Each structure stands twice: as C-alpha cells, then as structure tokens.
Amino acid sequence: MAKRVETGTVEANGTALYYELRGSGPTLFLIPGAEGDAEEYARVAALLQDEFEVLSYDRRGYSRSPRPADFDGTTVEQQADDAAALLAALDLAPVDVWGNSSGAIIGLSLTLRHPEVIRKAMLHEPPLFAGMGDYQQVLGFLKEATANGKVPFLRMLTGDVVYEGFSDGYRSRLAADDTWINFEFDVFEYYRPTDEELASAQRPIAVLYGAESPPFFGEAANWLAGRLGTTVLTIPGGHGAHYDLPEEVAKAIRDFTAAAAGVRTSS
C-alpha cells in the first residue's frame, strides 16, 4: 500500500518552494536537475520510503514553485541557499543528499556552503565544464539536442516508453517549463569551486557515473572526484537512471548512506 505523501509550500530564501515528504527514518533529500520538479524522483522515493523520510521539491521557478516577482535568473549558489532554507523551514537537517545532473551541481554547492545541514552527499553526473577536456564540443552537442525544446530532449534521455509512463500532470509541467533552457542551461555548467574548497569539503561525498552514459559525464565525474580526494562510483544505467533503473539508484543510496561516517567514498 502506498504511503501518504505530505505536500506543502513554504517561504524559503525569499521564494515559495513546493515540497513532498513521505516515509520515515533518516531524511533523504532529493535535488532535481533540469526537470526541476519533485516528481523526477517518484520511482526512487517509492523504493526508499520504508527506510528513509524522503524529501523532494520543485526548485525556484519550476512547476509548483513560482518565480518570484523580481525573477531575472538564478545561480547555483542561490539554489543551494534555497535548499538549505527549505531544510531549515521544515526542521529536517541534517540530511543525506542525492542530486542528478544540475541537481548534483546544486548538491555540491549545498555541501560546501552549508555543511551543517548535510550528513552525506551523492552527486550523480554533475555536468561541470571545468572537468571536460573539450567542453565546447559537449556544449555543441547539448545545444543541438535541446534545439527543439526541453520535452524532445527528455524524450531522447529517457526513451519514449519511460516518458509516456510519466503522470499527465508531470508531463504537462515539463512541457510548460522554460526556466531550465532560458535561465540555467549553459550557466550552471560553469560552476567551479576552487581546488582548496573541494579538497577541504567537510562531509563525505560520493561522485557517481552511469556505465551507459556518454564519456564526458565520466570525465567530469573523475575530475571532481580527484579534487575531492575520492574515486568515482560506477552504477548501471545512464544519465536518467532514476527513471528507468530506480532500483540501482536506490541501491547506491542505501550502500553509501550505510557506509562508515568517516568514509568519503567506496569503490
């Protein structure tokens, strides 16, 4: 039987953030990527809600978290501060964090800026241009892939069968979004903490890469892990593993959160 999902909206860091909370146990905080919507992780949350209190949310300017009146863009740092403020408003810190893609970039910034709210962080394929040997080629590929908008890009990422399995509401919200392409794409990817900041990270961080993902994701993951003093964890699937292989994502989360507190990663 499905567990009840608590939903609500809170004021956090000067914006209204919609959230979903389910399950019981230590809190697991799921940060969405380009989708920007709590439902991105519905399949993973359903697998973990008997072991964790699972928090997901719509990021600033997405879906049920409307743009503030003065919205003219956002930054990785602002998104990290939003996440910390959401945790404070709900009195849920400290938490374990999972972020995918741009959500992983935000998760990294959150861990560096607000270590007090984090137990452990898991960053799945953060697309950091600093870690790619020829980021201009990657950018060209991504611009071509998004030329017809967000929905065709996500269909390419997930496959039509997976995409058509999304709820009607989720597909409608994805189709209506222009925050990612207009304000975040080709912006967040340039996020670059200093080597000193990365080397002195105060919480255990795992960097993960999908075995079926394009090589540039692995290149960026290895670059980041090297500066954090860890090694990359490889898991099955590709960039959207939380959609088509949620069991593998759930397993990676279980394994890392169960590891000894002093361990920064495992191989």
Protein backbone atom coordinates (compact mmCIF):
# COMPACT_ATOMS: atom_id res chain seq x y z
CA MET A 1 0.00 0.00 0.00
CA ALA A 2 1.38 3.40 -1.00
CA LYS A 3 2.26 5.69 1.87
CA ARG A 4 0.63 9.07 2.22
CA VAL A 5 2.61 11.93 0.72
CA GLU A 6 2.67 15.18 2.68
CA THR A 7 2.73 18.18 0.36
CA GLY A 8 3.03 21.87 1.04
CA THR A 9 4.66 25.17 0.17
CA VAL A 10 6.98 27.16 2.42
CA GLU A 11 8.72 30.50 2.17
CA ALA A 12 12.44 29.90 1.95
CA ASN A 13 15.23 32.30 0.97
CA GLY A 14 12.76 34.82 -0.44
CA THR A 15 10.82 32.40 -2.63
CA ALA A 16 7.96 29.91 -2.32
CA LEU A 17 9.07 26.28 -2.57
CA TYR A 18 6.71 23.36 -3.06
CA TYR A 19 7.79 20.13 -1.38
CA GLU A 20 6.76 16.49 -0.98
CA LEU A 21 7.61 14.42 2.10
CA ARG A 22 6.97 10.70 2.55
CA GLY A 23 8.16 7.75 4.59
CA SER A 24 10.03 7.56 7.87
CA GLY A 25 13.61 7.22 9.02
CA PRO A 26 16.70 9.39 8.43
CA THR A 27 15.90 12.15 5.97
CA LEU A 28 16.98 11.73 2.35
CA PHE A 29 16.86 14.95 0.31
CA LEU A 30 16.48 14.55 -3.46
CA ILE A 31 17.50 17.57 -5.55
CA PRO A 32 16.05 17.61 -9.09
CA GLY A 33 18.07 18.57 -12.13
CA ALA A 34 16.83 20.17 -15.34
CA GLU A 35 13.34 18.82 -14.71
CA GLY A 36 13.25 20.98 -11.57
CA ASP A 37 10.24 19.05 -10.25
CA ALA A 38 9.76 16.81 -7.21
CA GLU A 39 8.18 14.09 -9.34
CA GLU A 40 11.52 13.44 -11.06
CA TYR A 41 12.36 11.06 -8.22
CA ALA A 42 8.95 9.46 -7.67
CA ARG A 43 10.17 5.97 -8.58
CA VAL A 44 13.23 6.16 -6.33
CA ALA A 45 11.22 7.64 -3.46
CA ALA A 46 8.70 4.80 -3.65
CA LEU A 47 11.51 2.27 -3.20
CA LEU A 48 13.09 4.05 -0.23
CA GLN A 49 10.15 5.41 1.75
CA ASP A 50 10.17 2.42 4.13
CA GLU A 51 13.80 3.20 5.07
CA PHE A 52 14.03 6.99 4.79
CA GLU A 53 11.95 10.09 5.25
CA VAL A 54 12.20 11.24 1.62
CA LEU A 55 12.04 14.94 0.78
CA SER A 56 11.75 16.18 -2.78
CA TYR A 57 10.79 19.61 -4.06
CA ASP A 58 10.20 21.88 -7.04
CA ARG A 59 13.14 24.23 -7.41
CA ARG A 60 12.81 28.02 -7.69
CA GLY A 61 10.92 28.94 -10.86
CA TYR A 62 9.73 25.41 -11.68
CA SER A 63 6.30 23.80 -11.67
CA ARG A 64 4.60 24.50 -8.34
CA SER A 65 7.37 26.81 -7.06
CA PRO A 66 6.51 30.01 -8.97
CA ARG A 67 9.07 32.57 -9.98
CA PRO A 68 9.39 35.45 -7.53
CA ALA A 69 8.06 38.74 -8.87
CA ASP A 70 11.57 40.09 -9.47
CA PHE A 71 12.94 36.90 -11.05
CA ASP A 72 15.53 37.59 -13.73
CA GLY A 73 17.60 34.43 -13.38
CA THR A 74 19.22 32.31 -10.71
CA THR A 75 22.61 30.95 -9.71
CA VAL A 76 23.95 27.68 -8.35
CA GLU A 77 24.69 29.42 -5.05
CA GLN A 78 21.15 30.81 -4.79
CA GLN A 79 19.73 27.35 -5.48
CA ALA A 80 21.96 25.89 -2.75
CA ASP A 81 20.79 28.56 -0.32
CA ASP A 82 17.17 27.79 -1.31
CA ALA A 83 17.75 24.13 -0.45
CA ALA A 84 19.30 24.97 2.93
CA ALA A 85 16.44 27.35 3.72
CA LEU A 86 13.88 24.67 2.80
CA LEU A 87 15.52 22.25 5.21
CA ALA A 88 15.51 24.90 7.94
CA ALA A 89 11.85 25.76 7.34
CA LEU A 90 10.88 22.09 7.65
CA ASP A 91 13.33 21.43 10.52
CA LEU A 92 14.77 18.37 8.76
CA ALA A 93 18.55 18.89 8.84
CA PRO A 94 20.92 17.15 8.80
CA VAL A 95 20.11 15.07 5.72
CA ASP A 96 21.64 12.75 3.19
CA VAL A 97 21.55 14.33 -0.28
CA TRP A 98 21.18 12.85 -3.76
CA GLY A 99 21.36 15.11 -6.81
CA ASN A 100 21.42 14.27 -10.52
CA SER A 101 22.89 16.45 -13.29
CA SER A 102 22.35 20.13 -12.43
CA GLY A 103 20.83 18.86 -9.20
CA ALA A 104 24.22 17.32 -8.45
CA ILE A 105 25.88 20.69 -9.06
CA ILE A 106 23.45 22.27 -6.60
CA GLY A 107 24.10 19.42 -4.16
CA LEU A 108 27.83 20.10 -4.35
CA SER A 109 27.33 23.80 -3.65
CA LEU A 110 24.94 22.99 -0.80
CA THR A 111 27.53 20.70 0.80
CA LEU A 112 30.30 23.29 0.50
CA ARG A 113 28.22 26.29 1.60
CA HIS A 114 26.08 24.64 4.27
CA PRO A 115 27.88 21.57 5.63
CA GLU A 116 25.89 21.82 8.85
CA VAL A 117 22.74 20.59 7.05
CA ILE A 118 24.45 17.59 5.40
CA ARG A 119 25.37 14.12 6.62
CA LYS A 120 26.50 12.73 3.25
CA ALA A 121 26.14 13.84 -0.37
CA MET A 122 25.76 11.73 -3.51
CA LEU A 123 26.36 13.54 -6.79
CA HIS A 124 25.29 11.69 -9.93
CA GLU A 125 26.88 13.01 -13.12
CA PRO A 126 27.29 16.74 -12.41
CA PRO A 127 27.95 18.26 -15.88
CA LEU A 128 30.81 20.53 -14.85
CA PHE A 129 32.53 22.04 -17.89
CA ALA A 130 35.71 22.56 -15.84
CA GLY A 131 36.12 18.79 -15.78
CA MET A 132 35.69 18.23 -19.51
CA GLY A 133 38.65 18.35 -21.86
CA ASP A 134 36.63 19.81 -24.76
CA TYR A 135 33.57 21.34 -23.16
CA GLN A 136 32.80 23.37 -26.28
CA GLN A 137 32.19 20.16 -28.21
CA VAL A 138 29.96 18.90 -25.40
CA LEU A 139 28.11 22.22 -25.33
CA GLY A 140 27.57 21.99 -29.08
CA PHE A 141 26.09 18.51 -28.68
CA LEU A 142 23.80 19.66 -25.87
CA LYS A 143 22.64 22.74 -27.78
CA GLU A 144 21.77 20.57 -30.77
CA ALA A 145 19.95 18.11 -28.50
CA THR A 146 17.87 20.89 -26.92
CA ALA A 147 17.25 22.89 -30.11
CA ASN A 148 13.61 21.79 -30.24
CA GLY A 149 12.96 22.34 -26.56
CA LYS A 150 13.03 20.50 -23.28
CA VAL A 151 10.48 17.75 -23.98
CA PRO A 152 12.25 16.32 -27.07
CA PHE A 153 15.49 16.38 -25.08
CA LEU A 154 13.93 14.49 -22.18
CA ARG A 155 12.33 12.00 -24.57
CA MET A 156 15.78 11.35 -26.01
CA LEU A 157 17.18 10.99 -22.48
CA THR A 158 14.51 8.66 -21.09
CA GLY A 159 13.11 6.97 -24.19
CA ASP A 160 9.51 7.32 -25.32
CA VAL A 161 8.23 4.38 -23.26
CA VAL A 162 9.55 5.81 -19.99
CA TYR A 163 8.41 9.33 -20.85
CA GLU A 164 4.88 8.21 -21.71
CA GLY A 165 4.78 6.45 -18.34
CA PHE A 166 5.02 9.78 -16.51
CA SER A 167 1.82 11.09 -14.96
CA ASP A 168 -0.24 13.50 -17.04
CA GLY A 169 0.47 16.27 -14.54
CA TYR A 170 4.21 15.76 -14.67
CA ARG A 171 4.32 15.73 -18.46
CA SER A 172 2.21 18.87 -18.53
CA ARG A 173 4.53 20.68 -16.11
CA LEU A 174 7.62 19.60 -18.04
CA ALA A 175 6.11 20.88 -21.29
CA ALA A 176 5.28 24.25 -19.70
CA ASP A 177 8.75 24.86 -18.26
CA ASP A 178 11.19 27.34 -19.76
CA THR A 179 13.28 28.03 -16.66
CA TRP A 180 15.96 25.48 -17.44
CA ILE A 181 16.73 26.44 -21.04
CA ASN A 182 16.25 30.18 -20.60
CA PHE A 183 17.99 30.68 -17.24
CA GLU A 184 20.10 27.67 -16.21
CA PHE A 185 21.35 25.79 -19.28
CA ASP A 186 24.84 26.96 -20.34
CA VAL A 187 25.07 28.78 -16.99
CA PHE A 188 25.18 26.25 -14.17
CA GLU A 189 27.74 24.10 -16.00
CA TYR A 190 30.42 26.77 -15.44
CA TYR A 191 30.18 26.43 -11.65
CA ARG A 192 33.75 25.97 -10.40
CA PRO A 193 34.65 25.83 -6.70
CA THR A 194 38.33 26.29 -6.00
CA ASP A 195 40.55 23.26 -5.54
CA GLU A 196 41.03 24.33 -1.91
CA GLU A 197 37.27 24.39 -1.30
CA LEU A 198 36.85 20.95 -2.83
CA ALA A 199 39.79 19.39 -1.01
CA SER A 200 38.54 20.70 2.33
CA ALA A 201 34.91 19.52 1.96
CA GLN A 202 33.63 18.75 5.44
CA ARG A 203 31.20 15.95 4.63
CA PRO A 204 31.52 12.56 2.87
CA ILE A 205 30.79 12.98 -0.83
CA ALA A 206 30.29 10.27 -3.44
CA VAL A 207 30.57 11.12 -7.14
CA LEU A 208 28.69 8.68 -9.37
CA TYR A 209 28.76 7.93 -13.08
CA GLY A 210 26.46 5.73 -15.18
CA ALA A 211 28.04 2.83 -17.06
CA GLU A 212 25.94 3.64 -20.14
CA SER A 213 26.39 7.42 -20.08
CA PRO A 214 28.37 9.44 -22.66
CA PRO A 215 32.08 9.58 -21.74
CA PHE A 216 32.07 13.30 -20.97
CA PHE A 217 29.96 12.64 -17.86
CA GLY A 218 32.60 10.19 -16.65
CA GLU A 219 35.35 12.68 -17.45
CA ALA A 220 33.68 15.37 -15.32
CA ALA A 221 32.94 12.88 -12.53
CA ASN A 222 36.56 11.73 -12.36
CA TRP A 223 37.80 15.33 -12.40
CA LEU A 224 35.57 16.26 -9.47
CA ALA A 225 36.31 13.10 -7.50
CA GLY A 226 40.03 13.69 -7.89
CA ARG A 227 39.75 17.13 -6.36
CA LEU A 228 37.60 15.81 -3.54
CA GLY A 229 40.11 13.08 -2.82
CA THR A 230 37.71 10.24 -3.72
CA THR A 231 37.18 7.76 -6.54
CA VAL A 232 34.15 7.58 -8.79
CA LEU A 233 31.40 5.05 -8.14
CA THR A 234 30.07 3.49 -11.35
CA ILE A 235 26.44 2.38 -11.34
CA PRO A 236 24.33 0.75 -14.05
CA GLY A 237 22.36 2.87 -16.48
CA GLY A 238 22.74 6.31 -17.94
CA HIS A 239 22.05 9.92 -17.08
CA GLY A 240 18.38 9.22 -16.33
CA ALA A 241 18.91 6.06 -14.27
CA HIS A 242 16.44 7.31 -11.64
CA TYR A 243 13.72 6.87 -14.27
CA ASP A 244 14.45 3.51 -15.89
CA LEU A 245 16.65 1.86 -13.25
CA PRO A 246 15.36 3.27 -9.95
CA GLU A 247 16.34 0.07 -8.14
CA GLU A 248 20.00 0.73 -8.97
CA VAL A 249 19.80 4.31 -7.73
CA ALA A 250 18.08 3.15 -4.54
CA LYS A 251 20.82 0.55 -4.02
CA ALA A 252 23.57 3.16 -4.49
CA ILE A 253 21.86 5.40 -1.94
CA ARG A 254 21.48 2.57 0.57
CA ASP A 255 25.09 1.47 0.15
CA PHE A 256 26.63 4.90 0.59
CA THR A 257 24.43 6.09 3.43
CA ALA A 258 25.16 2.84 5.30
CA ALA A 259 28.94 3.21 4.95
CA ALA A 260 31.00 4.30 7.95
CA ALA A 261 30.67 8.03 8.63
CA GLY A 262 34.34 8.71 8.07
CA VAL A 263 34.44 7.11 4.63
CA ARG A 264 34.39 9.64 1.80
CA THR A 265 33.58 7.05 -0.86
CA SER A 266 33.85 3.39 -1.69
CA SER A 267 34.86 1.50 -4.79
